[in-house]
Amino acid sequence: MFRFISRHILTGLMTILPVLLSFYLLYWFAVTAETMLGKMMRMVISEDYYWPGMGLVVGLVVVFFIGLMMHAYIVQRLFARGEKILYRMPLIKSVYRAIRDFFNYFSPDKDKEFDQVVAVRIGDMEMEVIGFITQSNSANLPADFRGDDHVLVYIPLSYMIGGYTVLVPRSATRPVNMNMEEAMRFTLTAGVTR
């Protein structure tokens, strides 16, 4: 009985947490922008011209301009220097690098190699597993993994959060005609749902 209840509680949490966290992140951004930038706006303009939500609008404009400036070479160089300083700080470098890598995956400017679904042949057997190429450029791999034509492939596990990242010869992979969402759903449910 306890196992039945805990399994359904865990399923409920896994269902609702991503939704709640997404909405909370948007809420946090809106409240923070309104609080901080709203105070600044009230100092710049009179209280009569200020309307609720103006701080949020200014926050969105600031984020837009930061994104726009990041396309300028000089700003990219300055930002890279600032990141080098962060990468040298003992505790901050681990946390910052993980957060940066996570958000880089969702960057609209990044090529989505992860969207390439492949079947990976295991050994000499006829068995194949579904995976996602996460790194196809060997120059971006650690020095010990460079060399022959290899790719880094993430292989998710069924019914689990997690998987394996494996380095395989490109010849051991073949493209699969599925988009990432279909392949992930197929793999995570062990092919039970379509």
C-alpha atoms as a PDB file:
ATOM      1  CA  MET A   1       0.000   0.000   0.000  1.00  0.00           C
ATOM      2  CA  PHE A   2       2.795   2.439   0.948  1.00  0.00           C
ATOM      3  CA  ARG A   3       4.612   1.602  -2.265  1.00  0.00           C
ATOM      4  CA  PHE A   4       1.456   2.287  -4.308  1.00  0.00           C
ATOM      5  CA  ILE A   5       0.966   5.685  -2.633  1.00  0.00           C
ATOM      6  CA  SER A   6       4.616   6.747  -2.870  1.00  0.00           C
ATOM      7  CA  ARG A   7       4.804   5.754  -6.547  1.00  0.00           C
ATOM      8  CA  HIS A   8       1.786   7.902  -7.395  1.00  0.00           C
ATOM      9  CA  ILE A   9       3.058  10.819  -5.308  1.00  0.00           C
ATOM     10  CA  LEU A  10       6.386  10.627  -7.169  1.00  0.00           C
ATOM     11  CA  THR A  11       4.567  10.470 -10.518  1.00  0.00           C
ATOM     12  CA  GLY A  12       2.488  13.494  -9.518  1.00  0.00           C
ATOM     13  CA  LEU A  13       5.587  15.431  -8.482  1.00  0.00           C
ATOM     14  CA  MET A  14       7.389  14.583 -11.726  1.00  0.00           C
ATOM     15  CA  THR A  15       4.333  15.777 -13.636  1.00  0.00           C
ATOM     16  CA  ILE A  16       3.676  19.015 -11.812  1.00  0.00           C
ATOM     17  CA  LEU A  17       7.184  20.220 -10.800  1.00  0.00           C
ATOM     18  CA  PRO A  18       8.384  21.211 -14.306  1.00  0.00           C
ATOM     19  CA  VAL A  19       5.181  23.210 -14.833  1.00  0.00           C
ATOM     20  CA  LEU A  20       5.382  24.896 -11.425  1.00  0.00           C
ATOM     21  CA  LEU A  21       9.098  25.665 -11.789  1.00  0.00           C
ATOM     22  CA  SER A  22       8.547  27.169 -15.250  1.00  0.00           C
ATOM     23  CA  PHE A  23       5.745  29.417 -14.015  1.00  0.00           C
ATOM     24  CA  TYR A  24       7.689  30.319 -10.876  1.00  0.00           C
ATOM     25  CA  LEU A  25      10.722  31.326 -12.954  1.00  0.00           C
ATOM     26  CA  LEU A  26       8.540  33.611 -15.091  1.00  0.00           C
ATOM     27  CA  TYR A  27       6.869  34.984 -11.955  1.00  0.00           C
ATOM     28  CA  TRP A  28      10.258  35.571 -10.307  1.00  0.00           C
ATOM     29  CA  PHE A  29      11.529  37.439 -13.374  1.00  0.00           C
ATOM     30  CA  ALA A  30       8.399  39.605 -13.544  1.00  0.00           C
ATOM     31  CA  VAL A  31       8.387  40.475  -9.822  1.00  0.00           C
ATOM     32  CA  THR A  32      12.146  41.109  -9.688  1.00  0.00           C
ATOM     33  CA  ALA A  33      12.092  43.319 -12.785  1.00  0.00           C
ATOM     34  CA  GLU A  34       9.074  45.244 -11.533  1.00  0.00           C
ATOM     35  CA  THR A  35      10.537  45.714  -8.048  1.00  0.00           C
ATOM     36  CA  MET A  36      14.074  46.712  -9.018  1.00  0.00           C
ATOM     37  CA  LEU A  37      13.475  48.552 -12.263  1.00  0.00           C
ATOM     38  CA  GLY A  38      10.177  50.000 -11.068  1.00  0.00           C
ATOM     39  CA  LYS A  39      12.009  51.825  -8.265  1.00  0.00           C
ATOM     40  CA  MET A  40      14.538  53.176 -10.753  1.00  0.00           C
ATOM     41  CA  MET A  41      11.757  54.296 -13.089  1.00  0.00           C
ATOM     42  CA  ARG A  42      10.031  56.175 -10.256  1.00  0.00           C
ATOM     43  CA  MET A  43      13.267  58.027  -9.555  1.00  0.00           C
ATOM     44  CA  VAL A  44      13.661  59.012 -13.225  1.00  0.00           C
ATOM     45  CA  ILE A  45      10.074  59.921 -14.045  1.00  0.00           C
ATOM     46  CA  SER A  46       7.386  61.389 -11.815  1.00  0.00           C
ATOM     47  CA  GLU A  47       4.933  59.158  -9.993  1.00  0.00           C
ATOM     48  CA  ASP A  48       2.111  60.478 -12.209  1.00  0.00           C
ATOM     49  CA  TYR A  49       3.622  58.970 -15.359  1.00  0.00           C
ATOM     50  CA  TYR A  50       4.550  55.639 -13.792  1.00  0.00           C
ATOM     51  CA  TRP A  51       2.117  52.737 -14.279  1.00  0.00           C
ATOM     52  CA  PRO A  52       2.330  49.248 -12.781  1.00  0.00           C
ATOM     53  CA  GLY A  53       4.185  46.907 -15.105  1.00  0.00           C
ATOM     54  CA  MET A  54       6.533  49.557 -16.432  1.00  0.00           C
ATOM     55  CA  GLY A  55       9.463  47.914 -14.603  1.00  0.00           C
ATOM     56  CA  LEU A  56       8.677  44.600 -16.299  1.00  0.00           C
ATOM     57  CA  VAL A  57       8.558  46.258 -19.719  1.00  0.00           C
ATOM     58  CA  VAL A  58      11.884  47.990 -19.044  1.00  0.00           C
ATOM     59  CA  GLY A  59      13.317  44.624 -17.876  1.00  0.00           C
ATOM     60  CA  LEU A  60      12.273  42.957 -21.135  1.00  0.00           C
ATOM     61  CA  VAL A  61      13.770  45.846 -23.137  1.00  0.00           C
ATOM     62  CA  VAL A  62      17.052  45.568 -21.182  1.00  0.00           C
ATOM     63  CA  VAL A  63      17.208  41.790 -21.780  1.00  0.00           C
ATOM     64  CA  PHE A  64      16.475  42.377 -25.490  1.00  0.00           C
ATOM     65  CA  PHE A  65      19.304  44.907 -25.802  1.00  0.00           C
ATOM     66  CA  ILE A  66      21.730  42.657 -23.948  1.00  0.00           C
ATOM     67  CA  GLY A  67      20.874  39.903 -26.432  1.00  0.00           C
ATOM     68  CA  LEU A  68      21.331  42.341 -29.293  1.00  0.00           C
ATOM     69  CA  MET A  69      24.694  43.552 -27.979  1.00  0.00           C
ATOM     70  CA  MET A  70      25.951  39.975 -27.597  1.00  0.00           C
ATOM     71  CA  HIS A  71      26.158  39.823 -31.392  1.00  0.00           C
ATOM     72  CA  ALA A  72      28.828  42.546 -31.394  1.00  0.00           C
ATOM     73  CA  TYR A  73      32.378  41.206 -31.477  1.00  0.00           C
ATOM     74  CA  ILE A  74      33.742  43.581 -28.823  1.00  0.00           C
ATOM     75  CA  VAL A  75      30.944  42.704 -26.367  1.00  0.00           C
ATOM     76  CA  GLN A  76      31.527  38.992 -26.970  1.00  0.00           C
ATOM     77  CA  ARG A  77      35.246  39.436 -26.211  1.00  0.00           C
ATOM     78  CA  LEU A  78      34.517  41.418 -23.030  1.00  0.00           C
ATOM     79  CA  PHE A  79      31.974  38.829 -21.898  1.00  0.00           C
ATOM     80  CA  ALA A  80      34.452  36.007 -22.595  1.00  0.00           C
ATOM     81  CA  ARG A  81      37.053  37.738 -20.412  1.00  0.00           C
ATOM     82  CA  GLY A  82      34.519  38.105 -17.629  1.00  0.00           C
ATOM     83  CA  GLU A  83      33.655  34.413 -17.928  1.00  0.00           C
ATOM     84  CA  LYS A  84      37.342  33.479 -17.644  1.00  0.00           C
ATOM     85  CA  ILE A  85      37.418  35.220 -14.284  1.00  0.00           C
ATOM     86  CA  LEU A  86      34.332  33.291 -13.149  1.00  0.00           C
ATOM     87  CA  TYR A  87      35.876  29.997 -14.336  1.00  0.00           C
ATOM     88  CA  ARG A  88      38.850  30.596 -11.994  1.00  0.00           C
ATOM     89  CA  MET A  89      36.771  31.111  -8.838  1.00  0.00           C
ATOM     90  CA  PRO A  90      36.683  27.866  -6.819  1.00  0.00           C
ATOM     91  CA  LEU A  91      32.994  27.447  -5.929  1.00  0.00           C
ATOM     92  CA  ILE A  92      31.447  29.694  -8.533  1.00  0.00           C
ATOM     93  CA  LYS A  93      33.129  27.982 -11.508  1.00  0.00           C
ATOM     94  CA  SER A  94      31.330  24.666 -10.933  1.00  0.00           C
ATOM     95  CA  VAL A  95      27.908  26.203 -10.452  1.00  0.00           C
ATOM     96  CA  TYR A  96      28.285  28.798 -13.212  1.00  0.00           C
ATOM     97  CA  ARG A  97      29.593  26.290 -15.768  1.00  0.00           C
ATOM     98  CA  ALA A  98      26.680  23.896 -15.131  1.00  0.00           C
ATOM     99  CA  ILE A  99      24.101  26.672 -15.425  1.00  0.00           C
ATOM    100  CA  ARG A 100      25.836  28.116 -18.502  1.00  0.00           C
ATOM    101  CA  ASP A 101      25.946  24.726 -20.251  1.00  0.00           C
ATOM    102  CA  PHE A 102      22.261  24.154 -19.487  1.00  0.00           C
ATOM    103  CA  PHE A 103      21.205  27.500 -20.947  1.00  0.00           C
ATOM    104  CA  ASN A 104      23.573  27.161 -23.916  1.00  0.00           C
ATOM    105  CA  TYR A 105      21.632  24.100 -24.977  1.00  0.00           C
ATOM    106  CA  PHE A 106      18.488  26.218 -25.335  1.00  0.00           C
ATOM    107  CA  SER A 107      20.262  29.093 -27.086  1.00  0.00           C
ATOM    108  CA  PRO A 108      18.578  29.986 -30.396  1.00  0.00           C
ATOM    109  CA  ASP A 109      22.010  30.649 -31.953  1.00  0.00           C
ATOM    110  CA  LYS A 110      23.350  27.173 -31.185  1.00  0.00           C
ATOM    111  CA  ASP A 111      23.206  24.406 -33.746  1.00  0.00           C
ATOM    112  CA  LYS A 112      20.950  21.743 -32.328  1.00  0.00           C
ATOM    113  CA  GLU A 113      23.119  18.682 -32.835  1.00  0.00           C
ATOM    114  CA  PHE A 114      21.169  17.093 -29.986  1.00  0.00           C
ATOM    115  CA  ASP A 115      18.154  17.059 -32.295  1.00  0.00           C
ATOM    116  CA  GLN A 116      19.891  14.453 -34.445  1.00  0.00           C
ATOM    117  CA  VAL A 117      18.398  11.118 -33.490  1.00  0.00           C
ATOM    118  CA  VAL A 118      20.566   8.099 -34.267  1.00  0.00           C
ATOM    119  CA  ALA A 119      20.552   4.352 -33.786  1.00  0.00           C
ATOM    120  CA  VAL A 120      23.793   3.157 -32.204  1.00  0.00           C
ATOM    121  CA  ARG A 121      24.982  -0.352 -33.082  1.00  0.00           C
ATOM    122  CA  ILE A 122      26.397  -2.212 -30.110  1.00  0.00           C
ATOM    123  CA  GLY A 123      29.362  -4.451 -30.891  1.00  0.00           C
ATOM    124  CA  ASP A 124      29.020  -7.082 -33.618  1.00  0.00           C
ATOM    125  CA  MET A 125      25.449  -7.869 -32.650  1.00  0.00           C
ATOM    126  CA  GLU A 126      22.389  -6.760 -34.579  1.00  0.00           C
ATOM    127  CA  MET A 127      21.236  -4.846 -31.490  1.00  0.00           C
ATOM    128  CA  GLU A 128      20.799  -1.066 -31.693  1.00  0.00           C
ATOM    129  CA  VAL A 129      19.823   1.592 -29.156  1.00  0.00           C
ATOM    130  CA  ILE A 130      18.308   4.996 -29.775  1.00  0.00           C
ATOM    131  CA  GLY A 131      20.467   7.972 -28.885  1.00  0.00           C
ATOM    132  CA  PHE A 132      21.044  11.657 -29.540  1.00  0.00           C
ATOM    133  CA  ILE A 133      24.272  13.114 -30.876  1.00  0.00           C
ATOM    134  CA  THR A 134      25.420  15.722 -28.368  1.00  0.00           C
ATOM    135  CA  GLN A 135      28.830  16.464 -29.889  1.00  0.00           C
ATOM    136  CA  SER A 136      29.800  15.662 -33.463  1.00  0.00           C
ATOM    137  CA  ASN A 137      32.852  17.925 -33.654  1.00  0.00           C
ATOM    138  CA  SER A 138      35.857  16.054 -32.246  1.00  0.00           C
ATOM    139  CA  ALA A 139      37.685  19.355 -31.648  1.00  0.00           C
ATOM    140  CA  ASN A 140      35.173  20.093 -28.848  1.00  0.00           C
ATOM    141  CA  LEU A 141      35.927  16.795 -27.079  1.00  0.00           C
ATOM    142  CA  PRO A 142      38.549  16.390 -24.332  1.00  0.00           C
ATOM    143  CA  ALA A 143      42.035  15.799 -25.739  1.00  0.00           C
ATOM    144  CA  ASP A 144      42.071  12.082 -24.821  1.00  0.00           C
ATOM    145  CA  PHE A 145      38.880  11.481 -26.834  1.00  0.00           C
ATOM    146  CA  ARG A 146      40.000  13.179 -30.030  1.00  0.00           C
ATOM    147  CA  GLY A 147      41.415  11.212 -32.888  1.00  0.00           C
ATOM    148  CA  ASP A 148      39.410   8.956 -35.129  1.00  0.00           C
ATOM    149  CA  ASP A 149      36.019  10.029 -36.384  1.00  0.00           C
ATOM    150  CA  HIS A 150      34.011   9.688 -33.158  1.00  0.00           C
ATOM    151  CA  VAL A 151      30.819  11.330 -31.918  1.00  0.00           C
ATOM    152  CA  LEU A 152      29.415  11.741 -28.439  1.00  0.00           C
ATOM    153  CA  VAL A 153      25.959  10.191 -28.080  1.00  0.00           C
ATOM    154  CA  TYR A 154      23.512  10.469 -25.183  1.00  0.00           C
ATOM    155  CA  ILE A 155      21.532   7.255 -24.669  1.00  0.00           C
ATOM    156  CA  PRO A 156      18.510   7.801 -22.380  1.00  0.00           C
ATOM    157  CA  LEU A 157      17.244   5.034 -20.120  1.00  0.00           C
ATOM    158  CA  SER A 158      13.644   3.833 -20.168  1.00  0.00           C
ATOM    159  CA  TYR A 159      11.427   4.881 -17.237  1.00  0.00           C
ATOM    160  CA  MET A 160      14.304   6.714 -15.589  1.00  0.00           C
ATOM    161  CA  ILE A 161      15.684  10.185 -15.408  1.00  0.00           C
ATOM    162  CA  GLY A 162      19.185   9.730 -16.685  1.00  0.00           C
ATOM    163  CA  GLY A 163      21.163   7.866 -19.264  1.00  0.00           C
ATOM    164  CA  TYR A 164      24.649   7.298 -20.584  1.00  0.00           C
ATOM    165  CA  THR A 165      26.872   9.524 -22.664  1.00  0.00           C
ATOM    166  CA  VAL A 166      29.077   7.332 -24.830  1.00  0.00           C
ATOM    167  CA  LEU A 167      31.841   8.001 -27.320  1.00  0.00           C
ATOM    168  CA  VAL A 168      31.284   5.868 -30.424  1.00  0.00           C
ATOM    169  CA  PRO A 169      32.711   5.753 -33.937  1.00  0.00           C
ATOM    170  CA  ARG A 170      30.536   7.692 -36.355  1.00  0.00           C
ATOM    171  CA  SER A 171      30.316   4.513 -38.439  1.00  0.00           C
ATOM    172  CA  ALA A 172      28.467   2.797 -35.543  1.00  0.00           C
ATOM    173  CA  THR A 173      25.586   5.291 -35.846  1.00  0.00           C
ATOM    174  CA  ARG A 174      22.882   5.703 -38.413  1.00  0.00           C
ATOM    175  CA  PRO A 175      20.315   8.510 -38.637  1.00  0.00           C
ATOM    176  CA  VAL A 176      16.762   7.666 -37.560  1.00  0.00           C
ATOM    177  CA  ASN A 177      13.733   9.366 -39.104  1.00  0.00           C
ATOM    178  CA  MET A 178      12.253  10.620 -35.813  1.00  0.00           C
ATOM    179  CA  ASN A 179      12.273  14.039 -34.236  1.00  0.00           C
ATOM    180  CA  MET A 180      13.751  14.452 -30.769  1.00  0.00           C
ATOM    181  CA  GLU A 181      10.399  14.512 -28.938  1.00  0.00           C
ATOM    182  CA  GLU A 182       9.168  11.314 -30.608  1.00  0.00           C
ATOM    183  CA  ALA A 183      12.436   9.514 -29.959  1.00  0.00           C
ATOM    184  CA  MET A 184      12.600  10.645 -26.326  1.00  0.00           C
ATOM    185  CA  ARG A 185       8.993   9.603 -25.666  1.00  0.00           C
ATOM    186  CA  PHE A 186       9.558   6.264 -27.417  1.00  0.00           C
ATOM    187  CA  THR A 187      12.737   5.576 -25.459  1.00  0.00           C
ATOM    188  CA  LEU A 188      11.576   6.738 -22.031  1.00  0.00           C
ATOM    189  CA  THR A 189       8.410   4.661 -22.216  1.00  0.00           C
ATOM    190  CA  ALA A 190      10.246   1.623 -23.668  1.00  0.00           C
ATOM    191  CA  GLY A 191       8.134   1.831 -26.818  1.00  0.00           C
ATOM    192  CA  VAL A 192       4.852   1.351 -24.904  1.00  0.00           C
ATOM    193  CA  THR A 193       3.335   4.676 -26.042  1.00  0.00           C
ATOM    194  CA  ARG A 194       3.474   6.319 -29.433  1.00  0.00           C
END
